[in-house]
Amino acid sequence: MNDPRQIALFGGLRAQRKDQVITRFRTQKVASLFAYLAFHLRQAHSREILVEMLWPESDAPTLLNSLSVATSSLRSQFEPPGVPQGTVIRADRFSVSLNPATVTTDFAESVIMKPADDWRT
């Protein structure tokens, strides 16, 4: 994907690529999952930790199904027919993440690291 999806976390959750803007998600939990994955863009996240964080009140059989439904919802929004699976949403039996090669965030762009030599000032 030559034109990365730009995700805004500041001022409300929004994803944009060219003229397509996504601001609505299937549920608030799906939006929360997407925001968490975008904020921690360079990490793969354990399915177990994600379900405990997002659905703490659910019983065990429902947990992984809830994450699967949320992941599927994100895939349908960000990987429509014709877009290869894994282009934006990476998921396997153990973890879920966004593909940092195809996604940028306003948060990541706002974090400016000083070179090690400049830390003394």
N, C-alpha and C. Protein backbone atom coordinates (compact mmCIF):
# COMPACT_ATOMS: atom_id res chain seq x y z
N MET A 1 0.86 -1.16 0.00
CA MET A 1 0.00 0.00 0.00
C MET A 1 0.91 1.23 0.00
N ASN A 2 0.94 1.95 -1.09
CA ASN A 2 1.82 3.10 -1.23
C ASN A 2 1.33 4.32 -0.47
N ASP A 3 0.07 4.38 -0.18
CA ASP A 3 -0.53 5.52 0.50
C ASP A 3 -0.99 5.08 1.88
N PRO A 4 -0.16 5.33 2.93
CA PRO A 4 -0.51 4.79 4.25
C PRO A 4 -1.78 5.41 4.82
N ARG A 5 -2.43 4.63 5.66
CA ARG A 5 -3.60 5.10 6.39
C ARG A 5 -3.09 5.99 7.51
N GLN A 6 -3.63 7.19 7.64
CA GLN A 6 -3.24 8.13 8.70
C GLN A 6 -4.30 8.07 9.80
N ILE A 7 -3.85 7.81 11.01
CA ILE A 7 -4.76 7.70 12.15
C ILE A 7 -4.54 8.87 13.08
N ALA A 8 -5.62 9.58 13.38
CA ALA A 8 -5.57 10.69 14.33
C ALA A 8 -6.12 10.19 15.67
N LEU A 9 -5.31 10.34 16.69
CA LEU A 9 -5.74 10.00 18.05
C LEU A 9 -6.09 11.26 18.83
N PHE A 10 -5.44 12.37 18.50
CA PHE A 10 -5.73 13.65 19.15
C PHE A 10 -7.00 14.25 18.55
N GLY A 11 -7.87 14.76 19.39
CA GLY A 11 -9.07 15.43 18.91
C GLY A 11 -10.14 14.49 18.39
N GLY A 12 -10.10 13.25 18.79
CA GLY A 12 -11.09 12.27 18.34
C GLY A 12 -10.47 11.26 17.39
N LEU A 13 -10.89 10.03 17.50
CA LEU A 13 -10.35 8.95 16.69
C LEU A 13 -10.83 9.08 15.25
N ARG A 14 -9.87 9.07 14.33
CA ARG A 14 -10.20 9.23 12.92
C ARG A 14 -9.11 8.54 12.09
N ALA A 15 -9.50 7.80 11.08
CA ALA A 15 -8.55 7.17 10.15
C ALA A 15 -8.84 7.71 8.76
N GLN A 16 -7.78 8.03 8.02
CA GLN A 16 -7.98 8.62 6.70
C GLN A 16 -6.96 8.06 5.73
N ARG A 17 -7.43 7.84 4.50
CA ARG A 17 -6.57 7.47 3.38
C ARG A 17 -7.19 8.08 2.14
N LYS A 18 -6.45 8.98 1.54
CA LYS A 18 -6.97 9.75 0.40
C LYS A 18 -8.27 10.43 0.81
N ASP A 19 -9.36 10.18 0.10
CA ASP A 19 -10.65 10.82 0.40
C ASP A 19 -11.52 10.03 1.36
N GLN A 20 -11.07 8.86 1.76
CA GLN A 20 -11.87 8.02 2.67
C GLN A 20 -11.52 8.36 4.12
N VAL A 21 -12.53 8.73 4.91
CA VAL A 21 -12.35 9.04 6.32
C VAL A 21 -13.28 8.14 7.13
N ILE A 22 -12.71 7.49 8.15
CA ILE A 22 -13.50 6.63 9.03
C ILE A 22 -13.48 7.23 10.43
N THR A 23 -14.67 7.54 10.93
CA THR A 23 -14.80 8.09 12.28
C THR A 23 -15.76 7.26 13.13
N ARG A 24 -16.46 6.34 12.49
CA ARG A 24 -17.46 5.52 13.22
C ARG A 24 -17.03 4.07 13.18
N PHE A 25 -17.27 3.39 14.27
CA PHE A 25 -16.90 2.00 14.41
C PHE A 25 -18.12 1.22 14.87
N ARG A 26 -18.08 -0.09 14.71
CA ARG A 26 -19.22 -0.95 15.05
C ARG A 26 -19.70 -0.72 16.47
N THR A 27 -18.76 -0.66 17.41
CA THR A 27 -19.08 -0.40 18.81
C THR A 27 -17.98 0.45 19.42
N GLN A 28 -18.21 0.94 20.61
CA GLN A 28 -17.18 1.70 21.32
C GLN A 28 -15.98 0.81 21.66
N LYS A 29 -16.23 -0.47 21.93
CA LYS A 29 -15.13 -1.41 22.22
C LYS A 29 -14.25 -1.60 20.99
N VAL A 30 -14.84 -1.66 19.81
CA VAL A 30 -14.07 -1.79 18.57
C VAL A 30 -13.22 -0.53 18.38
N ALA A 31 -13.79 0.63 18.62
CA ALA A 31 -13.04 1.88 18.52
C ALA A 31 -11.91 1.90 19.54
N SER A 32 -12.18 1.43 20.75
CA SER A 32 -11.15 1.39 21.79
C SER A 32 -10.01 0.45 21.40
N LEU A 33 -10.35 -0.70 20.84
CA LEU A 33 -9.33 -1.63 20.38
C LEU A 33 -8.47 -0.98 19.30
N PHE A 34 -9.11 -0.35 18.33
CA PHE A 34 -8.38 0.29 17.24
C PHE A 34 -7.47 1.40 17.77
N ALA A 35 -7.97 2.22 18.68
CA ALA A 35 -7.16 3.30 19.26
C ALA A 35 -5.97 2.74 20.03
N TYR A 36 -6.18 1.68 20.79
CA TYR A 36 -5.09 1.06 21.55
C TYR A 36 -4.02 0.51 20.61
N LEU A 37 -4.44 -0.19 19.56
CA LEU A 37 -3.49 -0.72 18.60
C LEU A 37 -2.73 0.39 17.89
N ALA A 38 -3.40 1.49 17.60
CA ALA A 38 -2.74 2.62 16.93
C ALA A 38 -1.76 3.32 17.87
N PHE A 39 -2.14 3.47 19.13
CA PHE A 39 -1.26 4.12 20.10
C PHE A 39 0.01 3.31 20.31
N HIS A 40 -0.13 1.99 20.33
CA HIS A 40 1.00 1.08 20.51
C HIS A 40 1.32 0.42 19.16
N LEU A 41 1.56 1.23 18.17
CA LEU A 41 1.66 0.80 16.78
C LEU A 41 2.75 -0.22 16.52
N ARG A 42 3.85 -0.14 17.17
CA ARG A 42 4.99 -1.00 16.87
C ARG A 42 5.01 -2.29 17.69
N GLN A 43 3.90 -2.63 18.32
CA GLN A 43 3.84 -3.83 19.16
C GLN A 43 2.74 -4.77 18.70
N ALA A 44 3.00 -6.06 18.85
CA ALA A 44 1.94 -7.06 18.72
C ALA A 44 1.39 -7.28 20.13
N HIS A 45 0.09 -7.42 20.24
CA HIS A 45 -0.58 -7.49 21.54
C HIS A 45 -1.22 -8.85 21.74
N SER A 46 -0.93 -9.44 22.87
CA SER A 46 -1.49 -10.74 23.23
C SER A 46 -3.01 -10.68 23.24
N ARG A 47 -3.64 -11.67 22.62
CA ARG A 47 -5.10 -11.74 22.61
C ARG A 47 -5.66 -11.79 24.03
N GLU A 48 -5.02 -12.54 24.90
CA GLU A 48 -5.50 -12.67 26.28
C GLU A 48 -5.49 -11.32 27.00
N ILE A 49 -4.44 -10.57 26.83
CA ILE A 49 -4.36 -9.25 27.50
C ILE A 49 -5.40 -8.30 26.93
N LEU A 50 -5.59 -8.32 25.61
CA LEU A 50 -6.59 -7.44 25.00
C LEU A 50 -8.00 -7.75 25.51
N VAL A 51 -8.34 -9.03 25.61
CA VAL A 51 -9.70 -9.36 26.06
C VAL A 51 -9.89 -9.01 27.53
N GLU A 52 -8.87 -9.22 28.34
CA GLU A 52 -8.98 -8.85 29.75
C GLU A 52 -9.12 -7.34 29.93
N MET A 53 -8.46 -6.59 29.08
CA MET A 53 -8.50 -5.13 29.16
C MET A 53 -9.85 -4.58 28.66
N LEU A 54 -10.35 -5.12 27.56
CA LEU A 54 -11.55 -4.55 26.93
C LEU A 54 -12.87 -5.17 27.41
N TRP A 55 -12.84 -6.42 27.83
CA TRP A 55 -14.05 -7.10 28.26
C TRP A 55 -13.86 -7.75 29.63
N PRO A 56 -13.49 -6.99 30.65
CA PRO A 56 -13.20 -7.60 31.96
C PRO A 56 -14.43 -8.24 32.62
N GLU A 57 -15.62 -7.79 32.22
CA GLU A 57 -16.84 -8.29 32.86
C GLU A 57 -17.38 -9.55 32.21
N SER A 58 -16.79 -9.99 31.10
CA SER A 58 -17.32 -11.13 30.36
C SER A 58 -16.81 -12.45 30.92
N ASP A 59 -17.56 -13.52 30.63
CA ASP A 59 -17.12 -14.85 31.04
C ASP A 59 -16.16 -15.42 30.00
N ALA A 60 -15.39 -16.40 30.38
CA ALA A 60 -14.30 -16.94 29.56
C ALA A 60 -14.72 -17.34 28.14
N PRO A 61 -15.82 -18.08 27.93
CA PRO A 61 -16.14 -18.48 26.56
C PRO A 61 -16.45 -17.30 25.63
N THR A 62 -16.91 -16.21 26.19
CA THR A 62 -17.29 -15.05 25.39
C THR A 62 -16.09 -14.18 25.00
N LEU A 63 -15.04 -14.22 25.80
CA LEU A 63 -13.92 -13.29 25.63
C LEU A 63 -13.27 -13.35 24.25
N LEU A 64 -12.74 -14.48 23.88
CA LEU A 64 -12.03 -14.57 22.60
C LEU A 64 -12.98 -14.36 21.42
N ASN A 65 -14.24 -14.75 21.56
CA ASN A 65 -15.21 -14.48 20.51
C ASN A 65 -15.43 -12.98 20.34
N SER A 66 -15.47 -12.24 21.44
CA SER A 66 -15.65 -10.78 21.37
C SER A 66 -14.49 -10.14 20.63
N LEU A 67 -13.27 -10.58 20.90
CA LEU A 67 -12.09 -10.04 20.21
C LEU A 67 -12.13 -10.41 18.73
N SER A 68 -12.53 -11.62 18.42
CA SER A 68 -12.62 -12.04 17.02
C SER A 68 -13.63 -11.20 16.24
N VAL A 69 -14.77 -10.94 16.86
CA VAL A 69 -15.79 -10.11 16.22
C VAL A 69 -15.27 -8.69 16.02
N ALA A 70 -14.59 -8.14 17.01
CA ALA A 70 -14.02 -6.78 16.90
C ALA A 70 -12.96 -6.72 15.81
N THR A 71 -12.09 -7.72 15.76
CA THR A 71 -11.05 -7.77 14.74
C THR A 71 -11.66 -7.89 13.35
N SER A 72 -12.67 -8.73 13.23
CA SER A 72 -13.36 -8.89 11.95
C SER A 72 -14.02 -7.58 11.50
N SER A 73 -14.60 -6.85 12.45
CA SER A 73 -15.21 -5.57 12.14
C SER A 73 -14.17 -4.58 11.62
N LEU A 74 -13.02 -4.54 12.26
CA LEU A 74 -11.94 -3.64 11.81
C LEU A 74 -11.45 -4.05 10.42
N ARG A 75 -11.33 -5.35 10.20
CA ARG A 75 -10.90 -5.82 8.88
C ARG A 75 -11.88 -5.40 7.79
N SER A 76 -13.18 -5.48 8.09
CA SER A 76 -14.16 -5.12 7.07
C SER A 76 -14.08 -3.63 6.74
N GLN A 77 -13.70 -2.80 7.71
CA GLN A 77 -13.57 -1.36 7.45
C GLN A 77 -12.26 -1.02 6.75
N PHE A 78 -11.17 -1.66 7.14
CA PHE A 78 -9.85 -1.25 6.67
C PHE A 78 -9.25 -2.16 5.61
N GLU A 79 -9.83 -3.33 5.42
CA GLU A 79 -9.36 -4.26 4.40
C GLU A 79 -10.54 -4.77 3.59
N PRO A 80 -11.19 -3.87 2.85
CA PRO A 80 -12.35 -4.28 2.05
C PRO A 80 -11.91 -5.24 0.94
N PRO A 81 -12.86 -5.84 0.23
CA PRO A 81 -12.51 -6.75 -0.86
C PRO A 81 -11.50 -6.09 -1.81
N GLY A 82 -10.48 -6.85 -2.18
CA GLY A 82 -9.43 -6.34 -3.04
C GLY A 82 -8.18 -5.91 -2.28
N VAL A 83 -8.31 -5.70 -0.97
CA VAL A 83 -7.15 -5.36 -0.14
C VAL A 83 -6.72 -6.65 0.57
N PRO A 84 -5.48 -7.07 0.37
CA PRO A 84 -5.04 -8.32 0.99
C PRO A 84 -5.14 -8.30 2.51
N GLN A 85 -5.57 -9.42 3.08
CA GLN A 85 -5.67 -9.54 4.53
C GLN A 85 -4.28 -9.35 5.14
N GLY A 86 -4.21 -8.58 6.22
CA GLY A 86 -2.94 -8.30 6.88
C GLY A 86 -2.31 -7.00 6.42
N THR A 87 -2.90 -6.36 5.43
CA THR A 87 -2.37 -5.09 4.96
C THR A 87 -2.43 -4.04 6.06
N VAL A 88 -3.51 -4.00 6.80
CA VAL A 88 -3.67 -3.02 7.89
C VAL A 88 -3.76 -3.73 9.24
N ILE A 89 -4.59 -4.76 9.34
CA ILE A 89 -4.83 -5.48 10.59
C ILE A 89 -4.07 -6.81 10.54
N ARG A 90 -3.16 -6.98 11.49
CA ARG A 90 -2.44 -8.25 11.60
C ARG A 90 -3.01 -9.01 12.80
N ALA A 91 -3.42 -10.24 12.55
CA ALA A 91 -3.96 -11.05 13.64
C ALA A 91 -3.63 -12.51 13.38
N ASP A 92 -3.22 -13.18 14.43
CA ASP A 92 -3.02 -14.62 14.36
C ASP A 92 -3.60 -15.23 15.63
N ARG A 93 -3.31 -16.47 15.89
CA ARG A 93 -3.89 -17.15 17.06
C ARG A 93 -3.45 -16.55 18.38
N PHE A 94 -2.32 -15.83 18.37
CA PHE A 94 -1.73 -15.36 19.61
C PHE A 94 -1.80 -13.85 19.82
N SER A 95 -1.80 -13.08 18.72
CA SER A 95 -1.69 -11.63 18.88
C SER A 95 -2.45 -10.86 17.81
N VAL A 96 -2.60 -9.57 18.08
CA VAL A 96 -3.27 -8.63 17.16
C VAL A 96 -2.43 -7.37 17.13
N SER A 97 -2.30 -6.76 15.95
CA SER A 97 -1.58 -5.49 15.82
C SER A 97 -2.00 -4.81 14.52
N LEU A 98 -1.58 -3.56 14.39
CA LEU A 98 -1.70 -2.86 13.12
C LEU A 98 -0.37 -3.01 12.39
N ASN A 99 -0.41 -2.94 11.08
CA ASN A 99 0.79 -3.06 10.27
C ASN A 99 1.47 -1.69 10.21
N PRO A 100 2.60 -1.50 10.89
CA PRO A 100 3.24 -0.18 10.90
C PRO A 100 3.78 0.26 9.55
N ALA A 101 3.87 -0.65 8.59
CA ALA A 101 4.31 -0.28 7.25
C ALA A 101 3.21 0.43 6.47
N THR A 102 1.95 0.29 6.92
CA THR A 102 0.83 0.86 6.17
C THR A 102 0.02 1.85 7.00
N VAL A 103 0.49 2.15 8.22
CA VAL A 103 -0.27 3.02 9.12
C VAL A 103 0.67 4.04 9.75
N THR A 104 0.22 5.29 9.85
CA THR A 104 0.93 6.31 10.62
C THR A 104 -0.07 6.92 11.60
N THR A 105 0.46 7.48 12.70
CA THR A 105 -0.43 8.13 13.66
C THR A 105 0.07 9.52 13.99
N ASP A 106 -0.85 10.39 14.36
CA ASP A 106 -0.45 11.72 14.76
C ASP A 106 0.35 11.67 16.06
N PHE A 107 0.08 10.70 16.91
CA PHE A 107 0.84 10.55 18.15
C PHE A 107 2.30 10.24 17.86
N ALA A 108 2.54 9.25 17.00
CA ALA A 108 3.91 8.87 16.67
C ALA A 108 4.66 10.02 16.02
N GLU A 109 3.98 10.79 15.19
CA GLU A 109 4.62 11.92 14.53
C GLU A 109 4.91 13.06 15.49
N SER A 110 4.18 13.13 16.61
CA SER A 110 4.38 14.23 17.56
C SER A 110 5.49 13.95 18.56
N VAL A 111 5.88 12.69 18.68
CA VAL A 111 6.94 12.32 19.62
C VAL A 111 8.28 12.54 18.93
N ILE A 112 9.01 13.50 19.44
CA ILE A 112 10.31 13.82 18.86
C ILE A 112 11.39 13.41 19.85
N MET A 113 12.23 12.51 19.42
CA MET A 113 13.32 12.05 20.28
C MET A 113 14.56 12.89 20.00
N LYS A 114 15.20 13.37 21.05
CA LYS A 114 16.45 14.09 20.89
C LYS A 114 17.58 13.09 20.67
N PRO A 115 18.59 13.44 19.88
CA PRO A 115 19.76 12.58 19.77
C PRO A 115 20.40 12.44 21.15
N ALA A 116 21.05 11.32 21.38
CA ALA A 116 21.66 11.03 22.68
C ALA A 116 22.61 12.14 23.12
N ASP A 117 23.33 12.78 22.21
CA ASP A 117 24.27 13.85 22.57
C ASP A 117 23.58 15.08 23.12
N ASP A 118 22.32 15.28 22.77
CA ASP A 118 21.59 16.47 23.19
C ASP A 118 20.90 16.31 24.54
N TRP A 119 20.93 15.14 25.14
CA TRP A 119 20.23 14.90 26.39
C TRP A 119 20.87 15.62 27.57
N ARG A 120 22.09 16.06 27.44
CA ARG A 120 22.77 16.76 28.54
C ARG A 120 22.27 18.19 28.69
N THR A 121 21.66 18.73 27.65
CA THR A 121 21.23 20.14 27.71
C THR A 121 19.87 20.29 28.29
